[in-house]
Amino acid sequence: MRHLRAIGGLVILLTGGEAAMAQEVPDLKGTWIPAKGAHLVEGPTRHQQSGTVPVPGDDTLRTHTSKFVFRFDRQEGRTFWGALSSAKVSEKVIGAISADGKRFVMVDEDGRFDGIVVDSNTLDYCYAHITPTDRSVACGLLIREK
């Protein structure tokens, strides 16, 4: 009898755990605008022609002055894709959402974004890329345009 109760309790725990893991997939389709960004660039990045300014006191580091826009046009389940654009440059992005619906990873044509789904209209991200000619890092929020 004791074993039956223990097995019954285990079944309840496992069933509840599966339900907790089966999170709803967030819908990321739409236009997202970066906010509260911190970014640093070294070298001639592809978005440099859209506008950068030197970091005071350093000859090689710059920050972007261009506004970036993310447009996720399509989503199928936990995968999504679209484009990242600055004033003069656009590049394709593809991404995937974790099984728990709380994290995502995305790549553009030369770098990687890792992030957290804060809520249905806010993504917290960090970005990095390293190429033979330049390096770039950034962190910030993406806010869904309404």
C-alpha atoms as a PDB file:
ATOM      1  CA  MET A   1       0.000   0.000   0.000  1.00  0.00           C
ATOM      2  CA  ARG A   2       2.834   2.343   0.851  1.00  0.00           C
ATOM      3  CA  HIS A   3       4.427   1.729  -2.526  1.00  0.00           C
ATOM      4  CA  LEU A   4       1.184   2.537  -4.318  1.00  0.00           C
ATOM      5  CA  ARG A   5       0.920   5.881  -2.525  1.00  0.00           C
ATOM      6  CA  ALA A   6       4.539   6.666  -3.351  1.00  0.00           C
ATOM      7  CA  ILE A   7       4.003   5.784  -7.024  1.00  0.00           C
ATOM      8  CA  GLY A   8       0.783   7.835  -7.072  1.00  0.00           C
ATOM      9  CA  GLY A   9       2.628  10.816  -5.605  1.00  0.00           C
ATOM     10  CA  LEU A  10       5.397  10.454  -8.171  1.00  0.00           C
ATOM     11  CA  VAL A  11       2.861  10.356 -11.012  1.00  0.00           C
ATOM     12  CA  ILE A  12       1.241  13.550  -9.717  1.00  0.00           C
ATOM     13  CA  LEU A  13       4.638  15.286  -9.465  1.00  0.00           C
ATOM     14  CA  LEU A  14       5.682  14.217 -12.955  1.00  0.00           C
ATOM     15  CA  THR A  15       2.356  15.219 -14.491  1.00  0.00           C
ATOM     16  CA  GLY A  16       2.493  18.622 -12.813  1.00  0.00           C
ATOM     17  CA  GLY A  17       6.095  19.077 -13.949  1.00  0.00           C
ATOM     18  CA  GLU A  18       5.173  18.377 -17.570  1.00  0.00           C
ATOM     19  CA  ALA A  19       2.350  20.904 -17.415  1.00  0.00           C
ATOM     20  CA  ALA A  20       4.696  23.514 -15.967  1.00  0.00           C
ATOM     21  CA  MET A  21       7.236  22.891 -18.739  1.00  0.00           C
ATOM     22  CA  ALA A  22       4.628  23.149 -21.517  1.00  0.00           C
ATOM     23  CA  GLN A  23       4.747  26.942 -21.711  1.00  0.00           C
ATOM     24  CA  GLU A  24       2.996  28.957 -24.374  1.00  0.00           C
ATOM     25  CA  VAL A  25       5.315  30.041 -27.184  1.00  0.00           C
ATOM     26  CA  PRO A  26       5.539  33.851 -27.283  1.00  0.00           C
ATOM     27  CA  ASP A  27       4.544  35.483 -30.579  1.00  0.00           C
ATOM     28  CA  LEU A  28       7.509  37.638 -31.642  1.00  0.00           C
ATOM     29  CA  LYS A  29       6.165  38.761 -35.017  1.00  0.00           C
ATOM     30  CA  GLY A  30       6.220  42.516 -35.466  1.00  0.00           C
ATOM     31  CA  THR A  31       8.538  45.504 -35.267  1.00  0.00           C
ATOM     32  CA  TRP A  32      10.895  45.901 -32.308  1.00  0.00           C
ATOM     33  CA  ILE A  33      12.860  49.039 -31.390  1.00  0.00           C
ATOM     34  CA  PRO A  34      16.013  48.911 -29.208  1.00  0.00           C
ATOM     35  CA  ALA A  35      15.961  50.863 -25.919  1.00  0.00           C
ATOM     36  CA  LYS A  36      18.359  51.309 -22.994  1.00  0.00           C
ATOM     37  CA  GLY A  37      21.199  50.126 -25.172  1.00  0.00           C
ATOM     38  CA  ALA A  38      24.871  49.920 -24.376  1.00  0.00           C
ATOM     39  CA  HIS A  39      27.089  49.197 -27.356  1.00  0.00           C
ATOM     40  CA  LEU A  40      30.701  49.403 -28.361  1.00  0.00           C
ATOM     41  CA  VAL A  41      32.300  48.912 -31.776  1.00  0.00           C
ATOM     42  CA  GLU A  42      35.923  48.540 -32.837  1.00  0.00           C
ATOM     43  CA  GLY A  43      36.755  48.563 -36.536  1.00  0.00           C
ATOM     44  CA  PRO A  44      34.696  49.160 -39.684  1.00  0.00           C
ATOM     45  CA  THR A  45      31.415  47.371 -38.940  1.00  0.00           C
ATOM     46  CA  ARG A  46      28.867  47.001 -41.720  1.00  0.00           C
ATOM     47  CA  HIS A  47      26.501  49.406 -39.911  1.00  0.00           C
ATOM     48  CA  GLN A  48      29.212  52.071 -39.517  1.00  0.00           C
ATOM     49  CA  GLN A  49      27.983  53.891 -42.640  1.00  0.00           C
ATOM     50  CA  SER A  50      24.664  54.438 -40.829  1.00  0.00           C
ATOM     51  CA  GLY A  51      26.445  56.560 -38.228  1.00  0.00           C
ATOM     52  CA  THR A  52      28.889  56.191 -35.351  1.00  0.00           C
ATOM     53  CA  VAL A  53      30.687  58.531 -32.982  1.00  0.00           C
ATOM     54  CA  PRO A  54      34.099  58.108 -31.343  1.00  0.00           C
ATOM     55  CA  VAL A  55      34.301  57.132 -27.691  1.00  0.00           C
ATOM     56  CA  PRO A  56      35.965  60.061 -25.877  1.00  0.00           C
ATOM     57  CA  GLY A  57      39.597  59.337 -25.061  1.00  0.00           C
ATOM     58  CA  ASP A  58      39.945  56.317 -27.372  1.00  0.00           C
ATOM     59  CA  ASP A  59      41.114  56.300 -30.986  1.00  0.00           C
ATOM     60  CA  THR A  60      39.619  52.944 -31.980  1.00  0.00           C
ATOM     61  CA  LEU A  61      36.272  52.583 -30.191  1.00  0.00           C
ATOM     62  CA  ARG A  62      32.955  53.976 -31.446  1.00  0.00           C
ATOM     63  CA  THR A  63      29.266  53.838 -30.580  1.00  0.00           C
ATOM     64  CA  HIS A  64      26.353  53.820 -33.005  1.00  0.00           C
ATOM     65  CA  THR A  65      24.202  56.894 -33.592  1.00  0.00           C
ATOM     66  CA  SER A  66      21.856  55.142 -36.026  1.00  0.00           C
ATOM     67  CA  LYS A  67      18.532  53.778 -34.842  1.00  0.00           C
ATOM     68  CA  PHE A  68      18.137  50.060 -35.380  1.00  0.00           C
ATOM     69  CA  VAL A  69      14.849  48.344 -36.183  1.00  0.00           C
ATOM     70  CA  PHE A  70      14.116  44.627 -35.899  1.00  0.00           C
ATOM     71  CA  ARG A  71      11.249  43.236 -37.989  1.00  0.00           C
ATOM     72  CA  PHE A  72      10.267  39.633 -37.393  1.00  0.00           C
ATOM     73  CA  ASP A  73       8.041  38.873 -40.365  1.00  0.00           C
ATOM     74  CA  ARG A  74       7.493  35.162 -39.864  1.00  0.00           C
ATOM     75  CA  GLN A  75       7.273  32.693 -37.024  1.00  0.00           C
ATOM     76  CA  GLU A  76       6.613  28.972 -37.063  1.00  0.00           C
ATOM     77  CA  GLY A  77       6.385  27.479 -33.604  1.00  0.00           C
ATOM     78  CA  ARG A  78       9.563  28.348 -31.741  1.00  0.00           C
ATOM     79  CA  THR A  79      11.493  29.610 -34.809  1.00  0.00           C
ATOM     80  CA  PHE A  80      11.272  33.141 -36.210  1.00  0.00           C
ATOM     81  CA  TRP A  81      12.998  35.248 -38.856  1.00  0.00           C
ATOM     82  CA  GLY A  82      13.117  38.680 -40.427  1.00  0.00           C
ATOM     83  CA  ALA A  83      15.549  41.579 -40.737  1.00  0.00           C
ATOM     84  CA  LEU A  84      17.649  43.955 -38.665  1.00  0.00           C
ATOM     85  CA  SER A  85      18.070  47.397 -40.242  1.00  0.00           C
ATOM     86  CA  SER A  86      20.005  50.549 -39.471  1.00  0.00           C
ATOM     87  CA  ALA A  87      19.727  53.782 -41.480  1.00  0.00           C
ATOM     88  CA  LYS A  88      21.613  52.416 -44.529  1.00  0.00           C
ATOM     89  CA  VAL A  89      22.137  48.666 -43.976  1.00  0.00           C
ATOM     90  CA  SER A  90      19.816  45.691 -43.567  1.00  0.00           C
ATOM     91  CA  GLU A  91      20.661  42.081 -42.794  1.00  0.00           C
ATOM     92  CA  LYS A  92      18.649  38.915 -42.320  1.00  0.00           C
ATOM     93  CA  VAL A  93      18.105  37.428 -38.864  1.00  0.00           C
ATOM     94  CA  ILE A  94      16.915  33.984 -37.780  1.00  0.00           C
ATOM     95  CA  GLY A  95      16.074  32.913 -34.255  1.00  0.00           C
ATOM     96  CA  ALA A  96      14.711  30.231 -31.966  1.00  0.00           C
ATOM     97  CA  ILE A  97      12.837  30.328 -28.656  1.00  0.00           C
ATOM     98  CA  SER A  98      13.642  27.905 -25.816  1.00  0.00           C
ATOM     99  CA  ALA A  99      11.183  25.155 -24.871  1.00  0.00           C
ATOM    100  CA  ASP A 100      10.165  27.048 -21.738  1.00  0.00           C
ATOM    101  CA  GLY A 101       9.368  30.172 -23.836  1.00  0.00           C
ATOM    102  CA  LYS A 102      11.589  32.365 -21.667  1.00  0.00           C
ATOM    103  CA  ARG A 103      14.835  32.573 -23.648  1.00  0.00           C
ATOM    104  CA  PHE A 104      15.832  33.083 -27.270  1.00  0.00           C
ATOM    105  CA  VAL A 105      18.880  32.977 -29.483  1.00  0.00           C
ATOM    106  CA  MET A 106      19.159  34.825 -32.776  1.00  0.00           C
ATOM    107  CA  VAL A 107      21.868  35.368 -35.389  1.00  0.00           C
ATOM    108  CA  ASP A 108      22.328  38.056 -37.985  1.00  0.00           C
ATOM    109  CA  GLU A 109      24.846  37.741 -40.813  1.00  0.00           C
ATOM    110  CA  ASP A 110      27.915  38.077 -38.585  1.00  0.00           C
ATOM    111  CA  GLY A 111      26.911  37.883 -34.931  1.00  0.00           C
ATOM    112  CA  ARG A 112      24.814  36.317 -32.208  1.00  0.00           C
ATOM    113  CA  PHE A 113      22.063  37.603 -29.902  1.00  0.00           C
ATOM    114  CA  ASP A 114      21.145  35.849 -26.635  1.00  0.00           C
ATOM    115  CA  GLY A 115      18.176  37.021 -24.659  1.00  0.00           C
ATOM    116  CA  ILE A 116      15.266  36.672 -22.305  1.00  0.00           C
ATOM    117  CA  VAL A 117      11.588  37.183 -23.078  1.00  0.00           C
ATOM    118  CA  VAL A 118      10.639  39.680 -20.354  1.00  0.00           C
ATOM    119  CA  ASP A 119       6.988  39.941 -21.420  1.00  0.00           C
ATOM    120  CA  SER A 120       4.945  39.966 -24.640  1.00  0.00           C
ATOM    121  CA  ASN A 121       6.324  43.404 -25.597  1.00  0.00           C
ATOM    122  CA  THR A 122       9.852  43.390 -24.132  1.00  0.00           C
ATOM    123  CA  LEU A 123      12.959  41.349 -24.947  1.00  0.00           C
ATOM    124  CA  ASP A 124      16.223  41.699 -22.995  1.00  0.00           C
ATOM    125  CA  TYR A 125      19.200  40.906 -25.245  1.00  0.00           C
ATOM    126  CA  CYS A 126      22.985  40.898 -25.545  1.00  0.00           C
ATOM    127  CA  TYR A 127      24.834  40.764 -28.859  1.00  0.00           C
ATOM    128  CA  ALA A 128      28.407  39.995 -29.888  1.00  0.00           C
ATOM    129  CA  HIS A 129      30.346  39.498 -33.083  1.00  0.00           C
ATOM    130  CA  ILE A 130      33.974  39.130 -33.996  1.00  0.00           C
ATOM    131  CA  THR A 131      35.162  39.269 -37.606  1.00  0.00           C
ATOM    132  CA  PRO A 132      38.680  39.604 -39.028  1.00  0.00           C
ATOM    133  CA  THR A 133      38.150  43.384 -39.354  1.00  0.00           C
ATOM    134  CA  ASP A 134      35.912  44.403 -36.453  1.00  0.00           C
ATOM    135  CA  ARG A 135      34.340  43.575 -33.096  1.00  0.00           C
ATOM    136  CA  SER A 136      31.038  44.640 -31.630  1.00  0.00           C
ATOM    137  CA  VAL A 137      29.128  44.148 -28.380  1.00  0.00           C
ATOM    138  CA  ALA A 138      25.736  45.434 -27.268  1.00  0.00           C
ATOM    139  CA  CYS A 139      23.096  44.838 -24.612  1.00  0.00           C
ATOM    140  CA  GLY A 140      19.687  46.421 -24.217  1.00  0.00           C
ATOM    141  CA  LEU A 141      15.970  45.967 -24.507  1.00  0.00           C
ATOM    142  CA  LEU A 142      13.836  45.459 -27.599  1.00  0.00           C
ATOM    143  CA  ILE A 143      10.402  47.056 -27.240  1.00  0.00           C
ATOM    144  CA  ARG A 144       7.577  45.964 -29.536  1.00  0.00           C
ATOM    145  CA  GLU A 145       6.285  48.878 -31.597  1.00  0.00           C
ATOM    146  CA  LYS A 146       2.529  49.295 -31.167  1.00  0.00           C
END
